[in-house]
Amino acid sequence: MADDLIAALATPAGRGALAIIRVDGSGLSELLRKLFTENYKKLMPRRATRCWLELHSGFRADCLSTFFQAPHSYTGNDLLEISLHANPLLIEEVLRHLLNLGCRLAEPGEFSLRALLNGKMDLLQAEAVNELVNAVSLVQIQKQQENLRGRLSCELQKLKNQLLELSALTEASLEFDAGDERQLKNTLERLALKLENIYEKNLHFLSRQRSLKLVIAGLVNSGKSSLFNALLDHQRAIISSRPGTTRDYLEEELSVQGVKIKLVDIAGFDFQTDDELELEGIRRSWQQIQEADALIYLIDGSQPLQNQDLEILEKLKKKRKLILINKTDIAAKKNISCWQKKLRLSDRQLISAKNGTNLEIISEFVRQEFQLSGDYDDLLLLNFRQLEAFSRIVKIIKQVQEQKLFFQPELLAEELRLALSEVDQLMGKTVPDDVLNRIFSSFCVGK
């Protein structure tokens, strides 16, 4: 049923300041009387009201409840949002109480599916909800907010209208004269160019929208763990003046310049060790370097020029990297000068992880290396399902061009019908139930 009573936690599980439980369905008015025996009449639509939940276990839970009356709710049904203290025991007790009162636990994405079925949003907007929750960059968040407001739906409707006009022109003409053929050919060329541009831009964009791995590498005691801690702004790695403190890699996620980064601190390279644990750590370090999207290579500025650093940098010459000289707070000017001259480093590449000197260069490196190049203000962002459907439309239009079907009205009309069918699937007009279930199964339970 699309309107039976469902309930779910809409916020992340665990302890915290607040938790929100959603309840949705056509029997909600009666449920309110049972939930708030004394004060349910205080609940006014779209107004947060402090209430006491009367629980079966004999105690009352303090909460803030907001009632959304159909059809003016996220789902289009009567909807209740209960804000309460985020204690897992309390949340479990409230959910158990709701189940005893006739609710069932919601399936993943069921609230958004109901919104779709009730006409509160289309499939593209529903997908934007999930993409927004899972976005890993500020650009992606911005674009999915645009899609949630209907931008993608609007642009695809324009595409559909254009294909419908071409289809109508084609099917109305048994034979084209030379002028019609030229006009049709030019229109299809412009359309193909526009579609390919959207497709290629999305391929590039989506390939970068993941948690990118940035590895901090260098010889032992170059200050990698100190830099790791400084970037995280807390003491995640043990640091010591004794070389070889890190024998395995550590990784943490952080956001730099609006980009989600997986920062990895690896064991330092030691050409003289024969310790089995250290050698295994170094082997794992090389493995992390191979998997890295980019590197920060750290040089100990307090030491003279070392051939080991040069040998490693030679091996890493094909890797995207930022070379930094660390420990400038204690390094001799002569050492730093030698390194700068040898590697052609600017003064901004002289850092102190301990004091935080010049660390902003790392943010700039991340922005240049990881953030999208070019202007994405006009990007029409698609997810992977949408991109796959869009690729089929591009393929059909390119096939029309390559086979010069604008000279053959009957064949052209058939290809345009196929393209329109793909647009309808992309927009969710003709999506099979199994595809719909697969889309919403990837949602959070409370969405």
Protein backbone atom coordinates (compact mmCIF):
# COMPACT_ATOMS: atom_id res chain seq x y z
CA MET A 1 0.00 0.00 0.00
CA ALA A 2 1.19 3.55 -0.79
CA ASP A 3 -0.56 5.16 2.19
CA ASP A 4 -0.37 2.68 5.09
CA LEU A 5 1.38 3.95 8.21
CA ILE A 6 5.17 3.78 8.06
CA ALA A 7 7.84 5.03 10.47
CA ALA A 8 11.61 5.40 10.34
CA LEU A 9 14.52 7.26 11.85
CA ALA A 10 15.36 10.09 9.42
CA THR A 11 18.68 11.10 11.01
CA PRO A 12 21.90 9.08 11.43
CA ALA A 13 21.83 6.41 14.10
CA GLY A 14 23.83 6.92 17.29
CA ARG A 15 24.05 9.42 20.12
CA GLY A 16 23.79 13.12 19.43
CA ALA A 17 21.89 16.32 20.09
CA LEU A 18 18.75 15.48 18.13
CA ALA A 19 17.07 12.64 16.28
CA ILE A 20 14.09 12.89 13.94
CA ILE A 21 11.56 10.10 13.45
CA ARG A 22 9.20 10.33 10.49
CA VAL A 23 5.71 8.83 10.44
CA ASP A 24 3.61 8.85 7.25
CA GLY A 25 0.25 7.50 6.16
CA SER A 26 -3.48 7.98 5.86
CA GLY A 27 -4.23 6.82 9.41
CA LEU A 28 -2.02 9.41 11.04
CA SER A 29 -4.83 11.54 12.53
CA GLU A 30 -6.05 8.60 14.63
CA LEU A 31 -2.47 7.70 15.54
CA LEU A 32 -1.88 11.21 16.93
CA ARG A 33 -4.62 10.67 19.52
CA LYS A 34 -2.86 7.54 20.75
CA LEU A 35 0.62 9.07 20.69
CA PHE A 36 -0.24 12.32 22.46
CA THR A 37 -3.23 11.48 24.63
CA GLU A 38 -3.37 14.82 26.42
CA ASN A 39 -1.94 17.34 24.00
CA TYR A 40 -2.51 16.09 20.44
CA LYS A 41 -5.00 18.95 19.89
CA LYS A 42 -2.13 21.40 20.27
CA LEU A 43 -0.63 20.13 17.02
CA MET A 44 -1.24 22.69 14.29
CA PRO A 45 -0.17 21.93 10.70
CA ARG A 46 3.37 23.05 9.86
CA ARG A 47 4.02 24.34 13.38
CA ALA A 48 6.56 22.74 15.74
CA THR A 49 4.91 21.92 19.06
CA ARG A 50 6.41 20.60 22.28
CA CYS A 51 4.67 17.38 23.24
CA TRP A 52 4.99 14.38 25.55
CA LEU A 53 4.97 10.93 23.97
CA GLU A 54 3.02 8.46 26.07
CA LEU A 55 5.05 5.24 25.77
CA HIS A 56 3.94 1.71 26.63
CA SER A 57 6.89 1.24 28.96
CA GLY A 58 5.37 3.63 31.46
CA PHE A 59 7.32 6.81 30.93
CA ARG A 60 6.86 9.89 28.81
CA ALA A 61 9.35 11.21 26.26
CA ASP A 62 9.81 14.94 25.76
CA CYS A 63 9.79 15.85 22.06
CA LEU A 64 9.11 18.54 19.49
CA SER A 65 6.54 17.42 16.91
CA THR A 66 5.60 18.92 13.55
CA PHE A 67 2.49 17.76 11.70
CA PHE A 68 2.22 18.23 7.93
CA GLN A 69 -1.32 17.79 6.66
CA ALA A 70 -1.92 16.22 3.24
CA PRO A 71 -1.31 17.28 0.57
CA HIS A 72 1.09 19.91 1.96
CA SER A 73 3.86 17.54 3.00
CA TYR A 74 7.01 15.96 1.59
CA THR A 75 5.15 12.77 0.62
CA GLY A 76 1.72 14.25 -0.14
CA ASN A 77 0.23 12.20 2.73
CA ASP A 78 -0.27 13.23 6.34
CA LEU A 79 3.25 13.32 7.77
CA LEU A 80 4.60 13.68 11.32
CA GLU A 81 8.19 14.54 12.26
CA ILE A 82 9.15 13.88 15.88
CA SER A 83 12.35 15.56 17.14
CA LEU A 84 13.74 14.08 20.32
CA HIS A 85 16.99 13.55 22.19
CA ALA A 86 19.28 11.30 20.14
CA ASN A 87 19.69 8.45 22.57
CA PRO A 88 19.59 5.04 20.82
CA LEU A 89 17.57 3.50 23.67
CA LEU A 90 14.94 6.24 23.48
CA ILE A 91 14.77 6.07 19.67
CA GLU A 92 14.32 2.29 19.80
CA GLU A 93 11.58 2.63 22.41
CA VAL A 94 9.67 5.22 20.36
CA LEU A 95 9.93 3.14 17.17
CA ARG A 96 8.77 0.03 19.05
CA HIS A 97 5.81 2.02 20.38
CA LEU A 98 4.90 3.19 16.86
CA LEU A 99 5.02 -0.39 15.59
CA ASN A 100 2.71 -1.47 18.42
CA LEU A 101 0.28 1.25 17.37
CA GLY A 102 0.04 -0.12 13.83
CA CYS A 103 2.97 1.37 11.92
CA ARG A 104 5.51 -0.68 10.01
CA LEU A 105 9.15 0.18 9.43
CA ALA A 106 9.66 2.07 6.19
CA GLU A 107 11.66 0.57 3.34
CA PRO A 108 14.73 2.44 2.03
CA GLY A 109 13.60 5.52 0.12
CA GLU A 110 9.91 4.82 0.76
CA PHE A 111 9.09 8.39 1.81
CA SER A 112 10.56 9.72 -1.45
CA LEU A 113 8.84 6.96 -3.43
CA ARG A 114 5.51 8.06 -1.95
CA ALA A 115 6.33 11.64 -2.90
CA LEU A 116 6.90 10.43 -6.46
CA LEU A 117 3.71 8.36 -6.60
CA ASN A 118 1.69 11.26 -5.17
CA GLY A 119 3.04 13.71 -7.73
CA LYS A 120 5.04 15.80 -5.25
CA MET A 121 8.18 15.32 -7.33
CA ASP A 122 9.25 13.51 -10.48
CA LEU A 123 11.83 10.72 -10.63
CA LEU A 124 14.68 13.08 -11.48
CA GLN A 125 13.92 15.22 -8.43
CA ALA A 126 13.63 12.12 -6.23
CA GLU A 127 17.03 10.94 -7.45
CA ALA A 128 18.43 14.40 -6.70
CA VAL A 129 17.42 13.92 -3.04
CA ASN A 130 19.60 10.82 -2.79
CA GLU A 131 22.46 12.33 -4.79
CA LEU A 132 22.37 15.42 -2.57
CA VAL A 133 22.70 13.30 0.57
CA ASN A 134 25.65 11.38 -0.92
CA ALA A 135 27.43 14.31 -2.61
CA VAL A 136 31.18 14.53 -1.97
CA SER A 137 31.86 18.07 -3.22
CA LEU A 138 30.28 21.50 -2.94
CA VAL A 139 29.84 21.66 -6.72
CA GLN A 140 27.89 18.40 -6.65
CA ILE A 141 25.71 19.68 -3.79
CA GLN A 142 24.96 22.87 -5.71
CA LYS A 143 24.05 21.00 -8.90
CA GLN A 144 21.81 18.48 -7.15
CA GLN A 145 20.01 21.32 -5.39
CA GLU A 146 19.31 22.75 -8.85
CA ASN A 147 18.00 19.35 -9.98
CA LEU A 148 15.83 19.11 -6.87
CA ARG A 149 14.28 22.44 -7.89
CA GLY A 150 13.52 20.92 -11.31
CA ARG A 151 16.32 22.14 -13.56
CA LEU A 152 17.17 18.72 -15.02
CA SER A 153 13.48 17.92 -15.56
CA CYS A 154 12.98 21.26 -17.34
CA GLU A 155 16.00 20.80 -19.64
CA LEU A 156 15.02 17.24 -20.56
CA GLN A 157 11.48 18.40 -21.31
CA LYS A 158 12.98 20.94 -23.73
CA LEU A 159 14.95 18.12 -25.36
CA LYS A 160 11.79 16.03 -25.63
CA ASN A 161 9.88 18.94 -27.20
CA GLN A 162 12.66 19.40 -29.74
CA LEU A 163 12.58 15.71 -30.66
CA LEU A 164 8.78 15.84 -30.90
CA GLU A 165 8.98 18.78 -33.32
CA LEU A 166 11.53 16.93 -35.46
CA SER A 167 9.42 13.79 -35.33
CA ALA A 168 6.27 15.65 -36.35
CA LEU A 169 8.10 17.32 -39.25
CA THR A 170 9.54 14.00 -40.40
CA GLU A 171 6.32 11.99 -40.21
CA ALA A 172 4.34 14.73 -41.95
CA SER A 173 6.63 14.67 -44.99
CA LEU A 174 6.85 11.68 -47.30
CA GLU A 175 9.56 13.45 -49.23
CA PHE A 176 11.87 16.29 -48.25
CA ASP A 177 12.93 19.00 -50.61
CA ALA A 178 16.54 20.23 -50.50
CA GLY A 179 15.70 23.07 -48.11
CA ASP A 180 14.00 20.72 -45.63
CA GLU A 181 16.97 18.36 -45.72
CA ARG A 182 19.44 21.15 -45.00
CA GLN A 183 17.32 22.50 -42.15
CA LEU A 184 16.89 19.03 -40.64
CA LYS A 185 20.59 18.23 -41.06
CA ASN A 186 21.64 21.49 -39.36
CA THR A 187 19.13 21.02 -36.52
CA LEU A 188 20.33 17.47 -35.86
CA GLU A 189 23.97 18.58 -35.93
CA ARG A 190 23.31 21.29 -33.34
CA LEU A 191 21.36 18.83 -31.20
CA ALA A 192 24.08 16.18 -31.43
CA LEU A 193 26.76 18.71 -30.48
CA LYS A 194 24.76 19.88 -27.46
CA LEU A 195 24.03 16.34 -26.26
CA GLU A 196 27.64 15.20 -26.67
CA ASN A 197 28.86 18.24 -24.74
CA ILE A 198 26.51 17.42 -21.82
CA TYR A 199 27.57 13.77 -21.92
CA GLU A 200 31.33 14.43 -22.01
CA LYS A 201 31.13 17.05 -19.27
CA ASN A 202 29.28 14.61 -17.04
CA LEU A 203 31.75 11.81 -17.71
CA HIS A 204 34.56 14.09 -16.59
CA PHE A 205 32.65 15.41 -13.61
CA LEU A 206 31.44 12.05 -12.29
CA SER A 207 34.88 10.50 -12.64
CA ARG A 208 36.14 13.09 -10.13
CA GLN A 209 33.24 12.91 -7.69
CA ARG A 210 34.54 10.33 -5.29
CA SER A 211 36.70 10.39 -2.20
CA LEU A 212 40.13 11.19 -3.65
CA LYS A 213 43.26 9.70 -2.13
CA LEU A 214 46.08 12.05 -1.16
CA VAL A 215 49.16 10.27 0.23
CA ILE A 216 51.88 11.92 2.34
CA ALA A 217 55.21 10.29 1.46
CA GLY A 218 58.87 10.81 2.34
CA LEU A 219 61.88 9.37 4.11
CA VAL A 220 61.65 8.35 7.76
CA ASN A 221 61.51 11.26 10.18
CA SER A 222 60.61 13.81 7.50
CA GLY A 223 57.56 14.91 9.54
CA LYS A 224 54.82 13.11 7.63
CA SER A 225 52.81 12.25 10.74
CA SER A 226 53.14 15.81 12.04
CA LEU A 227 51.76 17.12 8.76
CA PHE A 228 49.01 14.48 8.85
CA ASN A 229 47.97 15.65 12.32
CA ALA A 230 48.22 19.32 11.34
CA LEU A 231 45.90 18.85 8.35
CA LEU A 232 43.40 16.89 10.45
CA ASP A 233 43.73 19.44 13.27
CA HIS A 234 44.08 16.73 15.89
CA GLN A 235 46.66 14.18 17.06
CA ARG A 236 45.63 11.14 14.99
CA ALA A 237 49.17 9.77 14.43
CA ILE A 238 51.80 9.18 17.10
CA ILE A 239 54.78 11.46 16.51
CA SER A 240 58.31 11.13 17.86
CA SER A 241 61.82 12.36 17.14
CA ARG A 242 62.77 8.71 16.74
CA PRO A 243 62.67 7.58 13.06
CA GLY A 244 60.20 4.91 11.94
CA THR A 245 57.32 5.72 14.31
CA THR A 246 54.76 4.92 11.58
CA ARG A 247 55.06 1.30 10.42
CA ASP A 248 51.67 0.99 8.75
CA TYR A 249 49.52 3.50 6.94
CA LEU A 250 46.82 5.62 8.61
CA GLU A 251 43.95 7.20 6.72
CA GLU A 252 41.31 9.77 7.56
CA GLU A 253 38.75 11.71 5.53
CA LEU A 254 38.57 15.48 5.47
CA SER A 255 37.16 18.21 3.28
CA VAL A 256 39.63 20.51 1.54
CA GLN A 257 38.39 23.34 -0.71
CA GLY A 258 34.99 21.64 -0.88
CA VAL A 259 36.51 18.34 -2.05
CA LYS A 260 36.30 15.12 -0.02
CA ILE A 261 39.84 13.81 0.49
CA LYS A 262 41.08 10.53 1.90
CA LEU A 263 44.36 11.59 3.52
CA VAL A 264 46.90 8.80 4.02
CA ASP A 265 50.01 8.85 6.22
CA ILE A 266 52.36 6.04 5.17
CA ALA A 267 55.49 4.49 6.67
CA GLY A 268 58.63 6.44 5.81
CA PHE A 269 61.22 5.05 3.41
CA ASP A 270 64.37 3.72 5.06
CA PHE A 271 67.13 2.43 2.76
CA GLN A 272 69.15 0.97 5.63
CA THR A 273 66.58 -1.02 7.59
CA ASP A 274 66.47 -4.82 7.62
CA ASP A 275 63.63 -4.97 10.15
CA GLU A 276 60.87 -7.20 8.77
CA LEU A 277 58.05 -5.05 10.16
CA GLU A 278 59.55 -1.86 8.71
CA LEU A 279 60.13 -3.54 5.33
CA GLU A 280 56.49 -4.69 5.26
CA GLY A 281 55.43 -1.14 6.12
CA ILE A 282 57.49 0.21 3.22
CA ARG A 283 55.97 -2.36 0.85
CA ARG A 284 52.52 -1.20 1.89
CA SER A 285 53.63 2.42 1.43
CA TRP A 286 54.43 1.77 -2.24
CA GLN A 287 51.07 0.09 -2.65
CA GLN A 288 49.33 3.18 -1.26
CA ILE A 289 51.36 5.41 -3.58
CA GLN A 290 50.27 3.35 -6.60
CA GLU A 291 46.61 3.77 -5.58
CA ALA A 292 46.96 7.50 -4.82
CA ASP A 293 45.38 10.21 -6.96
CA ALA A 294 48.17 12.57 -5.90
CA LEU A 295 51.05 12.83 -3.43
CA ILE A 296 52.61 15.23 -1.02
CA TYR A 297 56.30 14.38 -0.92
CA LEU A 298 57.91 15.68 2.25
CA ILE A 299 61.62 16.44 2.57
CA ASP A 300 63.38 16.92 5.90
CA GLY A 301 64.82 20.43 5.54
CA SER A 302 66.93 19.99 8.69
CA GLN A 303 69.11 17.46 6.83
CA PRO A 304 71.55 18.07 3.96
CA LEU A 305 70.63 17.09 0.39
CA GLN A 306 70.07 13.31 0.35
CA ASN A 307 70.37 11.03 -2.66
CA GLN A 308 67.64 8.76 -1.28
CA ASP A 309 65.09 11.54 -1.72
CA LEU A 310 66.24 12.12 -5.27
CA GLU A 311 66.03 8.40 -6.09
CA ILE A 312 62.47 8.19 -4.77
CA LEU A 313 61.41 11.35 -6.60
CA GLU A 314 62.80 9.86 -9.81
CA LYS A 315 60.55 6.82 -9.31
CA LEU A 316 57.61 9.15 -8.68
CA LYS A 317 58.20 11.45 -11.65
CA LYS A 318 54.96 10.36 -13.38
CA LYS A 319 52.84 10.92 -10.27
CA ARG A 320 50.97 14.15 -9.60
CA LYS A 321 52.69 15.53 -6.54
CA LEU A 322 53.48 18.52 -4.41
CA ILE A 323 57.06 18.59 -3.08
CA LEU A 324 57.46 20.36 0.25
CA ILE A 325 60.49 21.04 2.43
CA ASN A 326 59.50 20.55 6.06
CA LYS A 327 61.05 21.62 9.39
CA THR A 328 61.98 25.07 8.12
CA ASP A 329 61.64 26.27 11.72
CA ILE A 330 64.87 24.40 12.60
CA ALA A 331 66.53 23.93 9.19
CA ALA A 332 69.80 25.56 8.21
CA LYS A 333 69.44 28.10 5.38
CA LYS A 334 72.19 26.32 3.47
CA ASN A 335 70.22 23.05 3.38
CA ILE A 336 67.05 24.77 2.25
CA SER A 337 68.91 26.70 -0.45
CA CYS A 338 70.42 23.50 -1.83
CA TRP A 339 67.04 21.81 -1.99
CA GLN A 340 65.33 24.80 -3.60
CA LYS A 341 68.00 25.06 -6.27
CA LYS A 342 68.06 21.33 -7.01
CA LEU A 343 64.28 20.89 -7.25
CA ARG A 344 63.37 24.45 -8.33
CA LEU A 345 61.03 25.00 -5.40
CA SER A 346 59.42 28.31 -4.49
CA ASP A 347 59.52 29.86 -1.02
CA ARG A 348 55.89 28.85 -0.59
CA GLN A 349 56.96 25.19 -0.69
CA LEU A 350 58.94 25.71 2.51
CA ILE A 351 56.72 24.60 5.38
CA SER A 352 56.72 23.81 9.06
CA ALA A 353 54.15 21.16 9.97
CA LYS A 354 54.88 21.89 13.62
CA ASN A 355 54.16 25.64 13.38
CA GLY A 356 51.66 25.54 10.50
CA THR A 357 53.81 27.71 8.22
CA ASN A 358 52.71 27.83 4.54
CA LEU A 359 50.27 24.90 4.88
CA GLU A 360 47.74 26.82 2.78
CA ILE A 361 49.70 25.72 -0.30
CA ILE A 362 48.26 22.22 0.23
CA SER A 363 44.70 23.57 -0.10
CA GLU A 364 45.67 25.32 -3.32
CA PHE A 365 47.27 22.10 -4.63
CA VAL A 366 44.11 20.15 -3.87
CA ARG A 367 41.96 22.74 -5.63
CA GLN A 368 44.17 22.68 -8.72
CA GLU A 369 44.66 18.92 -8.88
CA PHE A 370 41.32 17.60 -7.66
CA GLN A 371 38.72 20.27 -8.18
CA LEU A 372 37.04 20.40 -11.57
CA SER A 373 38.80 22.48 -14.16
CA GLY A 374 36.73 24.76 -16.33
CA ASP A 375 33.45 26.53 -15.80
CA TYR A 376 30.71 24.24 -14.51
CA ASP A 377 28.09 26.91 -13.91
CA ASP A 378 26.05 25.58 -16.85
CA LEU A 379 26.63 21.88 -16.07
CA LEU A 380 23.47 19.79 -16.32
CA LEU A 381 24.44 17.12 -13.80
CA LEU A 382 23.35 13.52 -14.30
CA ASN A 383 23.86 10.50 -12.06
CA PHE A 384 25.14 7.17 -13.41
CA ARG A 385 21.66 5.78 -14.25
CA GLN A 386 20.72 8.97 -16.02
CA LEU A 387 24.06 9.12 -17.81
CA GLU A 388 23.60 5.59 -19.14
CA ALA A 389 20.15 6.46 -20.51
CA PHE A 390 21.50 9.74 -21.89
CA SER A 391 24.30 7.86 -23.69
CA ARG A 392 21.70 5.84 -25.57
CA ILE A 393 20.04 9.04 -26.77
CA VAL A 394 23.41 10.41 -27.91
CA LYS A 395 24.12 7.14 -29.72
CA ILE A 396 20.80 7.30 -31.61
CA ILE A 397 21.34 10.90 -32.73
CA LYS A 398 24.93 10.16 -33.81
CA GLN A 399 23.72 7.13 -35.74
CA VAL A 400 21.22 9.34 -37.57
CA GLN A 401 24.10 11.63 -38.56
CA GLU A 402 26.52 8.89 -39.58
CA GLN A 403 23.94 7.08 -41.70
CA LYS A 404 22.60 10.37 -43.08
CA LEU A 405 19.05 9.36 -42.25
CA PHE A 406 17.83 12.93 -42.72
CA PHE A 407 17.61 11.92 -46.41
CA GLN A 408 15.33 8.96 -45.48
CA PRO A 409 12.19 10.20 -43.66
CA GLU A 410 10.78 6.76 -42.76
CA LEU A 411 14.00 5.55 -41.10
CA LEU A 412 14.56 8.91 -39.44
CA ALA A 413 11.06 8.86 -37.95
CA GLU A 414 11.72 5.45 -36.40
CA GLU A 415 15.03 6.57 -34.85
CA LEU A 416 13.38 9.68 -33.42
CA ARG A 417 10.67 7.50 -31.85
CA LEU A 418 13.42 5.42 -30.22
CA ALA A 419 15.12 8.58 -28.92
CA LEU A 420 11.80 9.83 -27.47
CA SER A 421 11.29 6.47 -25.74
CA GLU A 422 14.73 6.78 -24.14
CA VAL A 423 13.96 10.34 -22.98
CA ASP A 424 10.74 9.10 -21.36
CA GLN A 425 12.68 6.39 -19.51
CA LEU A 426 15.29 8.90 -18.44
CA MET A 427 12.58 11.24 -17.08
CA GLY A 428 10.81 8.37 -15.31
CA LYS A 429 7.70 8.44 -17.49
CA THR A 430 8.03 4.76 -18.46
CA VAL A 431 10.31 3.19 -15.86
CA PRO A 432 9.70 -0.54 -15.11
CA ASP A 433 8.90 -1.40 -11.48
CA ASP A 434 12.13 -3.38 -11.00
CA VAL A 435 14.20 -0.37 -12.10
CA LEU A 436 12.17 1.90 -9.81
CA ASN A 437 12.72 -0.46 -6.86
CA ARG A 438 16.44 -0.59 -7.60
CA ILE A 439 16.67 3.21 -7.66
CA PHE A 440 14.94 3.69 -4.30
CA SER A 441 16.70 0.77 -2.59
CA SER A 442 19.88 2.87 -2.56
CA PHE A 443 18.18 5.60 -0.49
CA CYS A 444 18.44 6.04 3.28
CA VAL A 445 15.58 4.40 5.20
CA GLY A 446 14.20 7.75 6.43
CA LYS A 447 14.30 9.46 3.02
